Structure formats: C-alpha cells, structure tokens
Amino acid sequence: MSMPPSNAALPRTVDARKLVQREQRLTGTLPRSALQRLLSAAESVDEDVRAELTFARDLQGHLAVDGVLHCRVQLLCQRCLEPVPEEIEATFRWGVVWSEEQGKALPKDLDPVMQEGDELDLYEVLEEEILLNLPMVAYHRRECVARDRFHYGEDAGEADEQRENPFKVLEQLKGSSRKR
C-alpha cells in the first residue's frame, strides 16, 4: 500500500476521543529525531516516518484507529555486519482504551493502545508499531559472505582427536565391577 507524500508533521499528542467523534483522518510525518528507541535499534533511519491514521468507531462501538506507516531504515546485517536497507511498511488497527480491563475486552482484530488521561502520545505508539515490524534478523538478500566461511561444528578429524567419550570412565567402572 503506497502512501501519499505529506510533509506536515503529525501532532505529538492527540485526544483520541475527539478525533473519533469527528471521524478525523491525520496524514503526516514523524520526525526521525523524535524516535530515540528506533534510532538505537537501527544503524540509521533514512527518512522521517510517514503515517496515515483514521479515527472512527468500529461496528461494536469501540474507539478504533486504522493506520498505515512507512519508513526506511538501515539495520546491521547479521552475516557480514554491514548496513542493510529495510523498508518498513505496517498496517495496524488499534482500539483506544484507558485500562487493562478494557484492553482485554477488545475484539482480537484490535490491538489495545492505552491513552493516559486526555492525551494519546502518537509518536510513542507509532514508534512501538515500527519496532514491532522490524525483522527479527536482518541480512542482505544477496550472498554477502561466501558459503565456505560458514562452519557447522568442528571438522570431523579434529573432533575425534580432541573429544573423548564422556562415558568412557563409566564404561571402565562398569567393566571393573564385573571382574569382582
């Protein structure tokens, strides 16, 4: 899903109740400098995060936010330890709640987002969404390290020379007990 470009910054905090009442749509960017946890998790964040959020009630009357976000980051390749570019495109459905009990009562298609008091910190919850959508392991799609550099255990010859059978002592004890 592609997002229309928008250079307007999203507000840091919003009152989700009011936005739901108005069925408001917010489109804009989150400055990358405001996303400290993302900056520490990635090698770099290449651009500001673009996001589009639609506030409305779902069919059961829950305060819901449908959204999509997009950003480009550089992560550390776990094979060659060089930066690897990743496009993060996430779609989400939040249910805005004020307590854990309300969050547990939400339908499975809504992820609970806790609004503390009258304000919802958009930057924090959007940053959390990005972090949840980062790949568990980053690596280049192309072969960045030659396959012969990967080793699975020790060489068979070295392993036999270095490693003794740990049950050899038991075998000797068992053998000595039979001789009696």
N, C-alpha and C. Protein backbone atom coordinates (compact mmCIF):
# COMPACT_ATOMS: atom_id res chain seq x y z
N MET A 1 0.84 -1.17 0.00
CA MET A 1 0.00 0.00 0.00
C MET A 1 0.89 1.23 0.00
N SER A 2 0.78 2.08 -0.98
CA SER A 2 1.60 3.28 -1.02
C SER A 2 0.87 4.43 -0.33
N MET A 3 1.67 5.32 0.20
CA MET A 3 1.10 6.44 0.93
C MET A 3 1.39 7.72 0.19
N PRO A 4 0.43 8.65 0.17
CA PRO A 4 0.69 9.93 -0.47
C PRO A 4 1.72 10.72 0.32
N PRO A 5 2.60 11.44 -0.36
CA PRO A 5 3.60 12.21 0.37
C PRO A 5 2.95 13.36 1.13
N SER A 6 3.43 13.58 2.33
CA SER A 6 2.96 14.70 3.15
C SER A 6 4.11 15.14 4.02
N ASN A 7 4.39 16.43 4.01
CA ASN A 7 5.50 16.96 4.79
C ASN A 7 5.05 17.53 6.12
N ALA A 8 3.74 17.61 6.36
CA ALA A 8 3.24 18.16 7.61
C ALA A 8 3.52 17.18 8.74
N ALA A 9 4.03 17.69 9.84
CA ALA A 9 4.33 16.84 10.98
C ALA A 9 3.04 16.50 11.72
N LEU A 10 2.92 15.25 12.12
CA LEU A 10 1.79 14.84 12.95
C LEU A 10 1.95 15.46 14.33
N PRO A 11 0.85 15.75 15.02
CA PRO A 11 0.98 16.25 16.39
C PRO A 11 1.52 15.14 17.29
N ARG A 12 2.31 15.52 18.26
CA ARG A 12 2.89 14.53 19.17
C ARG A 12 1.80 13.86 20.01
N THR A 13 0.86 14.64 20.52
CA THR A 13 -0.22 14.09 21.33
C THR A 13 -1.57 14.50 20.74
N VAL A 14 -2.55 13.62 20.89
CA VAL A 14 -3.91 13.89 20.41
C VAL A 14 -4.91 13.38 21.44
N ASP A 15 -6.12 13.88 21.37
CA ASP A 15 -7.22 13.35 22.17
C ASP A 15 -8.00 12.42 21.25
N ALA A 16 -7.81 11.13 21.41
CA ALA A 16 -8.42 10.15 20.51
C ALA A 16 -9.94 10.22 20.54
N ARG A 17 -10.53 10.52 21.69
CA ARG A 17 -12.00 10.60 21.78
C ARG A 17 -12.55 11.65 20.83
N LYS A 18 -11.94 12.82 20.84
CA LYS A 18 -12.42 13.90 19.98
C LYS A 18 -12.22 13.56 18.50
N LEU A 19 -11.08 12.96 18.19
CA LEU A 19 -10.82 12.60 16.80
C LEU A 19 -11.79 11.52 16.32
N VAL A 20 -12.15 10.59 17.19
CA VAL A 20 -13.12 9.55 16.83
C VAL A 20 -14.50 10.18 16.62
N GLN A 21 -14.89 11.11 17.48
CA GLN A 21 -16.19 11.77 17.34
C GLN A 21 -16.30 12.48 15.99
N ARG A 22 -15.21 13.06 15.55
CA ARG A 22 -15.20 13.80 14.27
C ARG A 22 -14.87 12.90 13.08
N GLU A 23 -14.55 11.63 13.35
CA GLU A 23 -14.09 10.69 12.32
C GLU A 23 -12.95 11.34 11.50
N GLN A 24 -11.97 11.78 12.22
CA GLN A 24 -10.84 12.53 11.68
C GLN A 24 -9.81 11.63 11.02
N ARG A 25 -9.16 12.14 10.00
CA ARG A 25 -8.05 11.45 9.34
C ARG A 25 -6.82 12.36 9.48
N LEU A 26 -5.72 11.77 9.94
CA LEU A 26 -4.46 12.50 10.07
C LEU A 26 -3.44 11.88 9.13
N THR A 27 -2.79 12.71 8.35
CA THR A 27 -1.73 12.25 7.46
C THR A 27 -0.54 13.19 7.66
N GLY A 28 0.64 12.60 7.83
CA GLY A 28 1.81 13.43 8.02
C GLY A 28 3.04 12.61 8.35
N THR A 29 4.01 13.28 8.94
CA THR A 29 5.29 12.63 9.23
C THR A 29 5.61 12.73 10.71
N LEU A 30 6.44 11.79 11.13
CA LEU A 30 7.05 11.83 12.47
C LEU A 30 8.51 12.11 12.25
N PRO A 31 9.06 13.14 12.87
CA PRO A 31 10.49 13.41 12.68
C PRO A 31 11.33 12.28 13.26
N ARG A 32 12.29 11.82 12.50
CA ARG A 32 13.12 10.69 12.95
C ARG A 32 13.89 11.03 14.22
N SER A 33 14.19 12.29 14.44
CA SER A 33 14.92 12.69 15.65
C SER A 33 14.11 12.46 16.92
N ALA A 34 12.77 12.33 16.81
CA ALA A 34 11.92 12.13 17.98
C ALA A 34 11.76 10.66 18.33
N LEU A 35 12.35 9.76 17.55
CA LEU A 35 12.16 8.33 17.74
C LEU A 35 13.44 7.69 18.28
N GLN A 36 13.75 7.97 19.52
CA GLN A 36 15.02 7.55 20.11
C GLN A 36 15.18 6.03 20.19
N ARG A 37 14.11 5.31 20.52
CA ARG A 37 14.22 3.84 20.61
C ARG A 37 14.50 3.24 19.23
N LEU A 38 13.88 3.78 18.20
CA LEU A 38 14.13 3.30 16.84
C LEU A 38 15.56 3.63 16.42
N LEU A 39 16.02 4.82 16.76
CA LEU A 39 17.39 5.21 16.41
C LEU A 39 18.41 4.32 17.08
N SER A 40 18.12 3.84 18.30
CA SER A 40 19.07 2.96 18.97
C SER A 40 18.96 1.52 18.47
N ALA A 41 17.81 1.13 17.92
CA ALA A 41 17.63 -0.24 17.42
C ALA A 41 18.16 -0.41 15.99
N ALA A 42 18.26 0.68 15.24
CA ALA A 42 18.71 0.61 13.85
C ALA A 42 20.06 1.29 13.71
N GLU A 43 20.76 0.96 12.64
CA GLU A 43 22.02 1.65 12.34
C GLU A 43 21.73 3.11 12.02
N SER A 44 20.67 3.33 11.23
CA SER A 44 20.24 4.70 10.93
C SER A 44 18.80 4.66 10.43
N VAL A 45 18.14 5.79 10.54
CA VAL A 45 16.79 5.97 9.99
C VAL A 45 16.96 6.94 8.84
N ASP A 46 16.64 6.48 7.62
CA ASP A 46 16.96 7.24 6.41
C ASP A 46 16.05 8.43 6.17
N GLU A 47 14.84 8.39 6.68
CA GLU A 47 13.89 9.47 6.41
C GLU A 47 12.89 9.56 7.55
N ASP A 48 12.14 10.66 7.57
CA ASP A 48 11.07 10.77 8.54
C ASP A 48 10.01 9.71 8.25
N VAL A 49 9.31 9.28 9.27
CA VAL A 49 8.28 8.25 9.12
C VAL A 49 7.01 8.90 8.60
N ARG A 50 6.44 8.30 7.56
CA ARG A 50 5.16 8.79 7.03
C ARG A 50 4.05 7.92 7.60
N ALA A 51 2.97 8.56 8.02
CA ALA A 51 1.86 7.81 8.61
C ALA A 51 0.53 8.41 8.20
N GLU A 52 -0.46 7.53 8.13
CA GLU A 52 -1.84 7.94 7.86
C GLU A 52 -2.73 7.22 8.86
N LEU A 53 -3.52 7.97 9.61
CA LEU A 53 -4.36 7.42 10.67
C LEU A 53 -5.80 7.85 10.45
N THR A 54 -6.73 6.91 10.61
CA THR A 54 -8.15 7.20 10.51
C THR A 54 -8.81 6.83 11.83
N PHE A 55 -9.43 7.80 12.47
CA PHE A 55 -10.09 7.61 13.77
C PHE A 55 -11.59 7.46 13.54
N ALA A 56 -12.20 6.39 14.08
CA ALA A 56 -13.63 6.15 13.94
C ALA A 56 -14.06 5.09 14.94
N ARG A 57 -15.34 4.89 15.07
CA ARG A 57 -15.86 3.79 15.89
C ARG A 57 -16.02 2.57 14.98
N ASP A 58 -15.70 1.38 15.53
CA ASP A 58 -15.93 0.17 14.74
C ASP A 58 -17.39 -0.25 14.89
N LEU A 59 -17.77 -1.37 14.31
CA LEU A 59 -19.17 -1.80 14.32
C LEU A 59 -19.68 -2.11 15.72
N GLN A 60 -18.80 -2.48 16.65
CA GLN A 60 -19.21 -2.75 18.03
C GLN A 60 -19.16 -1.49 18.90
N GLY A 61 -18.77 -0.36 18.35
CA GLY A 61 -18.75 0.90 19.09
C GLY A 61 -17.43 1.21 19.76
N HIS A 62 -16.39 0.41 19.53
CA HIS A 62 -15.07 0.68 20.12
C HIS A 62 -14.41 1.85 19.41
N LEU A 63 -13.63 2.61 20.16
CA LEU A 63 -12.83 3.68 19.57
C LEU A 63 -11.68 3.02 18.83
N ALA A 64 -11.64 3.16 17.52
CA ALA A 64 -10.66 2.45 16.70
C ALA A 64 -9.84 3.43 15.87
N VAL A 65 -8.62 3.01 15.61
CA VAL A 65 -7.71 3.76 14.75
C VAL A 65 -7.17 2.78 13.72
N ASP A 66 -7.45 3.05 12.45
CA ASP A 66 -6.87 2.27 11.35
C ASP A 66 -5.72 3.09 10.80
N GLY A 67 -4.60 2.43 10.54
CA GLY A 67 -3.46 3.21 10.08
C GLY A 67 -2.48 2.42 9.26
N VAL A 68 -1.62 3.18 8.63
CA VAL A 68 -0.51 2.62 7.87
C VAL A 68 0.67 3.56 8.08
N LEU A 69 1.86 2.98 8.13
CA LEU A 69 3.07 3.80 8.25
C LEU A 69 4.15 3.25 7.34
N HIS A 70 5.08 4.10 7.01
CA HIS A 70 6.16 3.71 6.11
C HIS A 70 7.43 4.43 6.54
N CYS A 71 8.53 3.69 6.56
CA CYS A 71 9.83 4.31 6.79
C CYS A 71 10.93 3.43 6.22
N ARG A 72 12.09 4.02 6.04
CA ARG A 72 13.28 3.30 5.57
C ARG A 72 14.36 3.41 6.64
N VAL A 73 14.92 2.26 6.97
CA VAL A 73 15.97 2.21 7.98
C VAL A 73 17.13 1.39 7.46
N GLN A 74 18.26 1.55 8.10
CA GLN A 74 19.43 0.72 7.85
C GLN A 74 19.64 -0.13 9.10
N LEU A 75 19.65 -1.45 8.92
CA LEU A 75 19.89 -2.37 10.02
C LEU A 75 21.24 -3.04 9.83
N LEU A 76 21.74 -3.71 10.84
CA LEU A 76 23.02 -4.38 10.76
C LEU A 76 22.81 -5.80 10.25
N CYS A 77 23.46 -6.13 9.12
CA CYS A 77 23.38 -7.48 8.55
C CYS A 77 24.04 -8.44 9.53
N GLN A 78 23.35 -9.51 9.86
CA GLN A 78 23.87 -10.47 10.83
C GLN A 78 24.87 -11.44 10.21
N ARG A 79 25.10 -11.34 8.91
CA ARG A 79 26.11 -12.18 8.26
C ARG A 79 27.44 -11.44 8.12
N CYS A 80 27.37 -10.24 7.51
CA CYS A 80 28.61 -9.52 7.21
C CYS A 80 28.84 -8.30 8.10
N LEU A 81 27.87 -7.97 8.94
CA LEU A 81 27.95 -6.83 9.86
C LEU A 81 28.08 -5.49 9.15
N GLU A 82 27.51 -5.42 7.95
CA GLU A 82 27.42 -4.16 7.19
C GLU A 82 25.97 -3.71 7.19
N PRO A 83 25.72 -2.41 6.96
CA PRO A 83 24.33 -1.94 6.92
C PRO A 83 23.54 -2.57 5.77
N VAL A 84 22.28 -2.87 6.06
CA VAL A 84 21.36 -3.41 5.06
C VAL A 84 20.09 -2.56 5.09
N PRO A 85 19.65 -2.04 3.93
CA PRO A 85 18.44 -1.20 3.93
C PRO A 85 17.18 -2.05 4.09
N GLU A 86 16.23 -1.55 4.86
CA GLU A 86 14.94 -2.22 5.05
C GLU A 86 13.83 -1.20 4.90
N GLU A 87 12.81 -1.58 4.15
CA GLU A 87 11.59 -0.77 4.02
C GLU A 87 10.59 -1.32 5.02
N ILE A 88 10.12 -0.48 5.90
CA ILE A 88 9.12 -0.90 6.89
C ILE A 88 7.79 -0.32 6.45
N GLU A 89 6.86 -1.21 6.15
CA GLU A 89 5.50 -0.81 5.76
C GLU A 89 4.57 -1.59 6.68
N ALA A 90 3.84 -0.90 7.53
CA ALA A 90 3.00 -1.57 8.50
C ALA A 90 1.58 -1.03 8.44
N THR A 91 0.64 -1.95 8.49
CA THR A 91 -0.77 -1.57 8.65
C THR A 91 -1.20 -2.07 10.02
N PHE A 92 -2.09 -1.34 10.65
CA PHE A 92 -2.49 -1.69 12.01
C PHE A 92 -3.90 -1.23 12.29
N ARG A 93 -4.50 -1.85 13.33
CA ARG A 93 -5.82 -1.46 13.85
C ARG A 93 -5.70 -1.42 15.36
N TRP A 94 -5.89 -0.24 15.91
CA TRP A 94 -5.80 -0.06 17.34
C TRP A 94 -7.20 0.13 17.93
N GLY A 95 -7.35 -0.30 19.15
CA GLY A 95 -8.52 0.03 19.95
C GLY A 95 -8.04 0.88 21.10
N VAL A 96 -8.53 2.10 21.19
CA VAL A 96 -8.07 3.02 22.24
C VAL A 96 -8.80 2.69 23.53
N VAL A 97 -8.03 2.46 24.60
CA VAL A 97 -8.58 2.10 25.90
C VAL A 97 -7.91 2.94 26.99
N TRP A 98 -8.51 2.90 28.18
CA TRP A 98 -7.97 3.65 29.32
C TRP A 98 -7.59 2.73 30.48
N SER A 99 -7.81 1.43 30.33
CA SER A 99 -7.43 0.48 31.38
C SER A 99 -7.12 -0.87 30.76
N GLU A 100 -6.43 -1.71 31.52
CA GLU A 100 -6.09 -3.05 31.03
C GLU A 100 -7.34 -3.90 30.85
N GLU A 101 -8.34 -3.73 31.71
CA GLU A 101 -9.58 -4.49 31.60
C GLU A 101 -10.27 -4.17 30.28
N GLN A 102 -10.29 -2.90 29.89
CA GLN A 102 -10.88 -2.53 28.61
C GLN A 102 -10.09 -3.15 27.46
N GLY A 103 -8.78 -3.19 27.61
CA GLY A 103 -7.93 -3.77 26.57
C GLY A 103 -8.20 -5.25 26.39
N LYS A 104 -8.43 -5.96 27.50
CA LYS A 104 -8.72 -7.40 27.42
C LYS A 104 -10.08 -7.67 26.79
N ALA A 105 -10.99 -6.70 26.89
CA ALA A 105 -12.34 -6.88 26.35
C ALA A 105 -12.43 -6.56 24.86
N LEU A 106 -11.36 -6.03 24.28
CA LEU A 106 -11.39 -5.68 22.85
C LEU A 106 -11.45 -6.94 21.99
N PRO A 107 -12.06 -6.84 20.82
CA PRO A 107 -12.02 -7.97 19.89
C PRO A 107 -10.59 -8.22 19.41
N LYS A 108 -10.33 -9.42 18.92
CA LYS A 108 -8.97 -9.84 18.53
C LYS A 108 -8.40 -9.00 17.39
N ASP A 109 -9.24 -8.38 16.57
CA ASP A 109 -8.72 -7.62 15.43
C ASP A 109 -8.25 -6.22 15.83
N LEU A 110 -8.44 -5.84 17.09
CA LEU A 110 -7.96 -4.53 17.58
C LEU A 110 -6.84 -4.74 18.59
N ASP A 111 -5.71 -4.08 18.35
CA ASP A 111 -4.60 -4.08 19.30
C ASP A 111 -4.84 -2.95 20.30
N PRO A 112 -4.82 -3.25 21.59
CA PRO A 112 -5.09 -2.20 22.57
C PRO A 112 -3.96 -1.17 22.63
N VAL A 113 -4.36 0.09 22.66
CA VAL A 113 -3.44 1.21 22.85
C VAL A 113 -4.00 2.03 24.00
N MET A 114 -3.17 2.19 25.03
CA MET A 114 -3.63 2.87 26.24
C MET A 114 -3.43 4.37 26.12
N GLN A 115 -4.54 5.10 26.28
CA GLN A 115 -4.46 6.56 26.34
C GLN A 115 -4.46 6.95 27.80
N GLU A 116 -3.40 7.61 28.21
CA GLU A 116 -3.28 8.05 29.60
C GLU A 116 -3.89 9.43 29.73
N GLY A 117 -4.94 9.55 30.52
CA GLY A 117 -5.61 10.84 30.69
C GLY A 117 -6.33 11.26 29.43
N ASP A 118 -6.13 12.52 29.06
CA ASP A 118 -6.82 13.07 27.89
C ASP A 118 -6.00 13.00 26.62
N GLU A 119 -4.74 12.60 26.72
CA GLU A 119 -3.84 12.66 25.56
C GLU A 119 -3.25 11.30 25.22
N LEU A 120 -3.17 11.02 23.93
CA LEU A 120 -2.51 9.82 23.41
C LEU A 120 -1.21 10.28 22.75
N ASP A 121 -0.09 9.72 23.17
CA ASP A 121 1.21 10.08 22.60
C ASP A 121 1.39 9.31 21.29
N LEU A 122 1.09 9.97 20.18
CA LEU A 122 1.16 9.33 18.87
C LEU A 122 2.57 8.87 18.52
N TYR A 123 3.55 9.68 18.83
CA TYR A 123 4.92 9.32 18.49
C TYR A 123 5.33 8.01 19.17
N GLU A 124 4.95 7.88 20.44
CA GLU A 124 5.32 6.69 21.19
C GLU A 124 4.66 5.43 20.61
N VAL A 125 3.36 5.49 20.33
CA VAL A 125 2.67 4.29 19.85
C VAL A 125 3.05 3.97 18.41
N LEU A 126 3.32 4.98 17.60
CA LEU A 126 3.77 4.71 16.23
C LEU A 126 5.20 4.15 16.22
N GLU A 127 6.04 4.65 17.11
CA GLU A 127 7.40 4.10 17.22
C GLU A 127 7.34 2.64 17.67
N GLU A 128 6.44 2.34 18.59
CA GLU A 128 6.26 0.96 19.04
C GLU A 128 5.84 0.07 17.87
N GLU A 129 4.96 0.57 17.04
CA GLU A 129 4.49 -0.18 15.87
C GLU A 129 5.64 -0.45 14.90
N ILE A 130 6.51 0.52 14.70
CA ILE A 130 7.67 0.31 13.83
C ILE A 130 8.59 -0.75 14.42
N LEU A 131 8.86 -0.65 15.71
CA LEU A 131 9.75 -1.62 16.36
C LEU A 131 9.19 -3.04 16.27
N LEU A 132 7.87 -3.18 16.37
CA LEU A 132 7.26 -4.50 16.25
C LEU A 132 7.36 -5.05 14.83
N ASN A 133 7.51 -4.17 13.85
CA ASN A 133 7.56 -4.60 12.46
C ASN A 133 8.98 -4.72 11.90
N LEU A 134 9.98 -4.45 12.72
CA LEU A 134 11.36 -4.68 12.27
C LEU A 134 11.58 -6.18 12.13
N PRO A 135 12.38 -6.59 11.15
CA PRO A 135 12.65 -8.03 11.03
C PRO A 135 13.43 -8.53 12.24
N MET A 136 13.19 -9.79 12.61
CA MET A 136 13.89 -10.36 13.76
C MET A 136 15.38 -10.46 13.47
N VAL A 137 15.73 -10.81 12.23
CA VAL A 137 17.12 -10.93 11.82
C VAL A 137 17.27 -10.20 10.49
N ALA A 138 18.19 -9.27 10.44
CA ALA A 138 18.42 -8.53 9.20
C ALA A 138 19.61 -9.14 8.46
N TYR A 139 19.47 -9.29 7.16
CA TYR A 139 20.57 -9.79 6.33
C TYR A 139 20.33 -9.37 4.89
N HIS A 140 21.43 -9.30 4.14
CA HIS A 140 21.34 -8.97 2.73
C HIS A 140 20.68 -10.11 1.97
N ARG A 141 19.90 -9.80 0.96
CA ARG A 141 19.26 -10.83 0.15
C ARG A 141 20.30 -11.55 -0.72
N ARG A 142 21.30 -10.81 -1.13
CA ARG A 142 22.38 -11.41 -1.93
C ARG A 142 23.36 -12.10 -0.98
N GLU A 143 24.23 -12.91 -1.53
CA GLU A 143 25.22 -13.60 -0.71
C GLU A 143 26.32 -12.59 -0.37
N CYS A 144 26.37 -12.16 0.87
CA CYS A 144 27.36 -11.15 1.28
C CYS A 144 28.58 -11.79 1.94
N VAL A 145 28.48 -13.04 2.32
CA VAL A 145 29.60 -13.80 2.90
C VAL A 145 29.63 -15.14 2.17
N ALA A 146 30.81 -15.53 1.72
CA ALA A 146 30.94 -16.78 0.98
C ALA A 146 30.51 -17.96 1.85
N ARG A 147 29.85 -18.91 1.24
CA ARG A 147 29.32 -20.07 1.98
C ARG A 147 30.41 -20.89 2.66
N ASP A 148 31.60 -20.91 2.07
CA ASP A 148 32.67 -21.72 2.68
C ASP A 148 33.15 -21.11 4.00
N ARG A 149 32.73 -19.90 4.30
CA ARG A 149 33.09 -19.26 5.57
C ARG A 149 32.20 -19.72 6.72
N PHE A 150 31.06 -20.34 6.38
CA PHE A 150 30.15 -20.83 7.42
C PHE A 150 30.61 -22.20 7.87
N HIS A 151 30.67 -22.43 9.17
CA HIS A 151 31.07 -23.72 9.72
C HIS A 151 29.95 -24.23 10.61
N TYR A 152 29.68 -25.48 10.49
CA TYR A 152 28.70 -26.12 11.35
C TYR A 152 29.43 -27.09 12.25
N GLY A 153 29.89 -26.66 13.38
CA GLY A 153 30.63 -27.51 14.31
C GLY A 153 32.09 -27.61 13.91
N GLU A 154 32.78 -28.59 14.47
CA GLU A 154 34.21 -28.77 14.21
C GLU A 154 34.40 -29.75 13.06
N ASP A 155 35.61 -29.75 12.50
CA ASP A 155 35.93 -30.75 11.49
C ASP A 155 35.90 -32.11 12.15
N ALA A 156 35.51 -33.15 11.39
CA ALA A 156 35.35 -34.50 11.95
C ALA A 156 36.66 -35.03 12.52
N GLY A 157 37.79 -34.82 11.85
CA GLY A 157 39.08 -35.31 12.32
C GLY A 157 39.50 -34.65 13.63
N GLU A 158 39.33 -33.34 13.70
CA GLU A 158 39.70 -32.61 14.91
C GLU A 158 38.80 -33.00 16.08
N ALA A 159 37.55 -33.23 15.79
CA ALA A 159 36.61 -33.54 16.86
C ALA A 159 36.96 -34.87 17.52
N ASP A 160 37.35 -35.86 16.72
CA ASP A 160 37.69 -37.16 17.29
C ASP A 160 38.95 -37.08 18.14
N GLU A 161 39.93 -36.30 17.68
CA GLU A 161 41.19 -36.19 18.41
C GLU A 161 41.00 -35.46 19.73
N GLN A 162 40.21 -34.39 19.71
CA GLN A 162 40.09 -33.53 20.88
C GLN A 162 39.08 -34.06 21.90
N ARG A 163 38.05 -34.70 21.45
CA ARG A 163 36.95 -35.05 22.34
C ARG A 163 37.00 -36.53 22.70
N GLU A 164 37.04 -36.80 23.97
CA GLU A 164 36.96 -38.18 24.43
C GLU A 164 35.51 -38.49 24.75
N ASN A 165 35.19 -39.74 24.70
CA ASN A 165 33.86 -40.17 25.04
C ASN A 165 33.63 -39.93 26.54
N PRO A 166 32.62 -39.13 26.91
CA PRO A 166 32.41 -38.83 28.33
C PRO A 166 31.97 -40.06 29.12
N PHE A 167 31.50 -41.09 28.45
CA PHE A 167 31.05 -42.30 29.13
C PHE A 167 32.15 -43.35 29.26
N LYS A 168 33.35 -43.01 28.78
CA LYS A 168 34.46 -43.96 28.84
C LYS A 168 34.79 -44.31 30.29
N VAL A 169 34.74 -43.35 31.19
CA VAL A 169 35.02 -43.59 32.60
C VAL A 169 33.97 -44.53 33.18
N LEU A 170 32.70 -44.30 32.83
CA LEU A 170 31.64 -45.18 33.31
C LEU A 170 31.83 -46.60 32.77
N GLU A 171 32.24 -46.67 31.52
CA GLU A 171 32.47 -47.97 30.90
C GLU A 171 33.57 -48.73 31.66
N GLN A 172 34.62 -48.01 32.03
CA GLN A 172 35.72 -48.63 32.78
C GLN A 172 35.25 -49.07 34.16
N LEU A 173 34.46 -48.24 34.82
CA LEU A 173 33.93 -48.61 36.14
C LEU A 173 33.03 -49.82 36.05
N LYS A 174 32.18 -49.84 35.04
CA LYS A 174 31.27 -50.96 34.85
C LYS A 174 32.06 -52.24 34.58
N GLY A 175 33.10 -52.11 33.76
CA GLY A 175 33.92 -53.26 33.46
C GLY A 175 34.64 -53.76 34.68
N SER A 176 35.12 -52.88 35.56
CA SER A 176 35.82 -53.30 36.77
C SER A 176 34.88 -53.94 37.78
N SER A 177 33.60 -53.55 37.79
CA SER A 177 32.66 -54.15 38.72
C SER A 177 32.28 -55.56 38.29
N ARG A 178 32.35 -55.89 37.03
CA ARG A 178 32.04 -57.23 36.54
C ARG A 178 33.16 -58.21 36.89
N LYS A 179 34.38 -57.73 37.01
CA LYS A 179 35.51 -58.59 37.28
C LYS A 179 35.47 -59.12 38.70
N ARG A 180 34.82 -58.48 39.59
CA ARG A 180 34.79 -58.89 41.01
C ARG A 180 33.98 -60.08 41.22
